Amino acid sequence: MENSQPKTGQFALIYGLILGTVGIAFSLMLYFMDLTYQQSWANSVVGIAILVAVVVIGVFQYKKANGGFLTLAQALKVGMGVALVGALISVVYTMIFTSVIEPEFWDKTFEASKAAMLENSKLTPEQVDATIAQQRQFYWMTYPFILITNIFLGFITALIAGLIMKKAPSEY
């Protein structure tokens, strides 16, 4: 009897849900600690580390379920699938967060941006106001940016993990 391969989509869904859940937990942690508006590189690094870790774990678990074998294509399917599901969850959560949990999110974000620009740039207050007004028109770009960034990082992570972990049945 022939062994059936596990489905890459199943692993992408499971680990994508894990990624989304952990990402929401991290975001809520920042919110409850009043760190949502703090522009910290550490927050970004932790967010990226969460994505990388869950993608790598998902690819590894797929390999384990596949009898220790993994092709680069399988790694990419699982990794990008994990990143896509996680990104979709993140987009929905961000929409809920900015409209229900913290309805003043965009106003507070633009105010923080304005203060940082006035403090750190040589722009006049009028130029800063014009820049903020332009940013307000394009806040919706956050959502496709989340998708594109997650998929890109998922691709890079899955590519590296796949190259490291790949093993064909003929490689004993």
Protein backbone atom coordinates (compact mmCIF):
# COMPACT_ATOMS: atom_id res chain seq x y z
CA MET A 1 0.00 0.00 0.00
CA GLU A 2 1.33 3.44 -0.96
CA ASN A 3 1.92 6.11 1.69
CA SER A 4 -0.08 9.24 1.04
CA GLN A 5 1.67 12.56 1.44
CA PRO A 6 0.29 15.04 3.95
CA LYS A 7 -1.47 18.03 2.44
CA THR A 8 0.56 21.24 2.37
CA GLY A 9 -2.65 23.27 2.65
CA GLN A 10 -3.57 21.60 5.92
CA PHE A 11 -0.22 22.55 7.47
CA ALA A 12 -0.48 26.06 6.02
CA LEU A 13 -3.91 26.49 7.59
CA ILE A 14 -2.98 25.08 11.01
CA TYR A 15 0.25 27.03 11.37
CA GLY A 16 -1.28 30.13 9.74
CA LEU A 17 -3.96 30.06 12.45
CA ILE A 18 -1.22 29.72 15.06
CA LEU A 19 0.66 32.66 13.51
CA GLY A 20 -2.48 34.80 13.47
CA THR A 21 -3.33 33.91 17.06
CA VAL A 22 0.17 34.64 18.35
CA GLY A 23 0.26 37.88 16.35
CA ILE A 24 -3.06 39.00 17.86
CA ALA A 25 -1.85 38.08 21.36
CA PHE A 26 1.33 40.13 20.80
CA SER A 27 -0.67 43.10 19.52
CA LEU A 28 -3.07 42.95 22.47
CA MET A 29 -0.14 42.69 24.85
CA LEU A 30 1.29 45.90 23.36
CA TYR A 31 -2.13 47.55 23.60
CA PHE A 32 -2.65 46.65 27.27
CA MET A 33 0.87 47.80 28.11
CA ASP A 34 0.21 51.14 26.32
CA LEU A 35 2.94 50.45 23.77
CA THR A 36 0.73 50.45 20.65
CA TYR A 37 1.88 53.88 19.49
CA GLN A 38 5.51 53.51 20.49
CA GLN A 39 7.55 53.30 17.31
CA SER A 40 10.06 50.73 18.49
CA TRP A 41 12.32 48.60 16.34
CA ALA A 42 12.04 45.90 19.03
CA ASN A 43 8.30 45.52 18.34
CA SER A 44 9.03 45.02 14.65
CA VAL A 45 11.81 42.53 15.36
CA VAL A 46 9.54 40.50 17.66
CA GLY A 47 6.77 40.50 15.04
CA ILE A 48 9.17 39.29 12.35
CA ALA A 49 10.65 36.69 14.71
CA ILE A 50 7.16 35.33 15.41
CA LEU A 51 6.48 34.99 11.68
CA VAL A 52 9.85 33.36 10.97
CA ALA A 53 9.52 30.94 13.89
CA VAL A 54 6.00 29.79 12.98
CA VAL A 55 6.89 29.37 9.28
CA VAL A 56 9.99 27.32 10.15
CA ILE A 57 8.05 25.19 12.64
CA GLY A 58 5.30 24.63 10.05
CA VAL A 59 7.81 23.53 7.40
CA PHE A 60 9.61 21.30 9.91
CA GLN A 61 6.37 19.66 11.05
CA TYR A 62 5.37 19.05 7.43
CA LYS A 63 8.72 17.36 6.80
CA LYS A 64 8.27 15.25 9.91
CA ALA A 65 4.76 14.19 8.84
CA ASN A 66 6.07 13.40 5.35
CA GLY A 67 8.43 10.72 6.61
CA GLY A 68 11.40 13.08 6.89
CA PHE A 69 11.23 14.11 3.24
CA LEU A 70 10.78 17.63 1.95
CA THR A 71 11.10 19.29 -1.43
CA LEU A 72 11.74 22.98 -1.89
CA ALA A 73 8.32 23.34 -3.54
CA GLN A 74 6.61 21.79 -0.52
CA ALA A 75 8.51 24.08 1.84
CA LEU A 76 7.49 27.12 -0.21
CA LYS A 77 3.84 26.04 -0.34
CA VAL A 78 3.68 25.48 3.41
CA GLY A 79 5.68 28.60 4.33
CA MET A 80 3.87 31.00 2.03
CA GLY A 81 0.54 29.45 2.98
CA VAL A 82 1.30 29.97 6.67
CA ALA A 83 2.28 33.59 5.98
CA LEU A 84 -0.84 34.20 3.85
CA VAL A 85 -3.28 32.77 6.42
CA GLY A 86 -1.50 34.68 9.19
CA ALA A 87 -1.62 37.89 7.13
CA LEU A 88 -5.34 37.51 6.40
CA ILE A 89 -6.03 37.05 10.10
CA SER A 90 -3.84 40.07 10.85
CA VAL A 91 -5.70 42.24 8.34
CA VAL A 92 -9.10 41.27 9.77
CA TYR A 93 -7.83 41.82 13.31
CA THR A 94 -6.37 45.22 12.37
CA MET A 95 -9.69 46.27 10.86
CA ILE A 96 -11.50 45.21 14.04
CA PHE A 97 -8.86 46.81 16.26
CA THR A 98 -8.97 50.16 14.44
CA SER A 99 -12.76 50.34 14.27
CA VAL A 100 -13.95 48.65 17.50
CA ILE A 101 -11.20 48.24 20.09
CA GLU A 102 -9.33 51.48 19.44
CA PRO A 103 -11.47 53.66 17.13
CA GLU A 104 -9.10 56.62 17.56
CA PHE A 105 -6.15 54.53 16.36
CA TRP A 106 -5.56 56.36 13.09
CA ASP A 107 -5.91 59.82 14.66
CA LYS A 108 -3.47 58.92 17.44
CA THR A 109 -1.07 57.36 14.92
CA PHE A 110 -1.09 60.48 12.75
CA GLU A 111 -0.59 62.71 15.81
CA ALA A 112 2.40 60.61 16.92
CA SER A 113 3.78 60.80 13.39
CA LYS A 114 3.31 64.56 13.33
CA ALA A 115 5.11 65.01 16.65
CA ALA A 116 8.00 62.83 15.49
CA MET A 117 8.29 64.76 12.20
CA LEU A 118 8.28 68.12 13.94
CA GLU A 119 10.95 66.95 16.36
CA ASN A 120 13.21 65.04 13.98
CA SER A 121 12.95 66.80 10.63
CA LYS A 122 13.66 70.21 9.20
CA LEU A 123 10.16 70.50 7.77
CA THR A 124 8.02 73.49 8.64
CA PRO A 125 4.78 72.88 10.55
CA GLU A 126 2.86 73.59 7.34
CA GLN A 127 4.89 70.97 5.44
CA VAL A 128 4.33 68.47 8.24
CA ASP A 129 0.57 69.16 8.18
CA ALA A 130 0.52 68.66 4.40
CA THR A 131 2.44 65.38 4.75
CA ILE A 132 0.05 64.11 7.44
CA ALA A 133 -2.96 65.11 5.33
CA GLN A 134 -1.55 63.09 2.46
CA GLN A 135 -0.86 60.11 4.75
CA ARG A 136 -4.48 60.22 5.98
CA GLN A 137 -5.68 59.69 2.41
CA PHE A 138 -3.65 56.49 2.09
CA TYR A 139 -4.08 54.81 5.51
CA TRP A 140 -5.97 51.98 3.77
CA MET A 141 -2.69 50.95 2.13
CA THR A 142 -1.77 49.42 5.51
CA TYR A 143 -3.88 46.36 4.70
CA PRO A 144 -2.29 45.37 1.38
CA PHE A 145 1.10 46.24 2.90
CA ILE A 146 0.48 43.69 5.69
CA LEU A 147 -0.38 41.04 3.09
CA ILE A 148 2.55 41.77 0.80
CA THR A 149 5.09 42.03 3.63
CA ASN A 150 3.96 38.80 5.31
CA ILE A 151 3.96 36.85 2.04
CA PHE A 152 7.40 38.20 1.11
CA LEU A 153 8.86 37.35 4.53
CA GLY A 154 7.12 33.97 4.41
CA PHE A 155 8.66 33.31 0.99
CA ILE A 156 12.18 34.22 2.12
CA THR A 157 11.84 32.21 5.34
CA ALA A 158 10.36 29.17 3.57
CA LEU A 159 13.04 29.36 0.87
CA ILE A 160 15.85 29.34 3.42
CA ALA A 161 14.17 26.68 5.58
CA GLY A 162 13.43 24.57 2.50
CA LEU A 163 17.01 24.78 1.26
CA ILE A 164 18.29 23.77 4.69
CA MET A 165 15.74 21.02 5.37
CA LYS A 166 15.13 19.59 1.91
CA LYS A 167 15.59 15.88 1.57
CA ALA A 168 14.46 13.75 -1.35
CA PRO A 169 13.60 10.05 -0.89
CA SER A 170 16.70 9.11 -2.90
CA GLU A 171 19.01 10.92 -0.43
CA TYR A 172 19.67 8.20 2.15
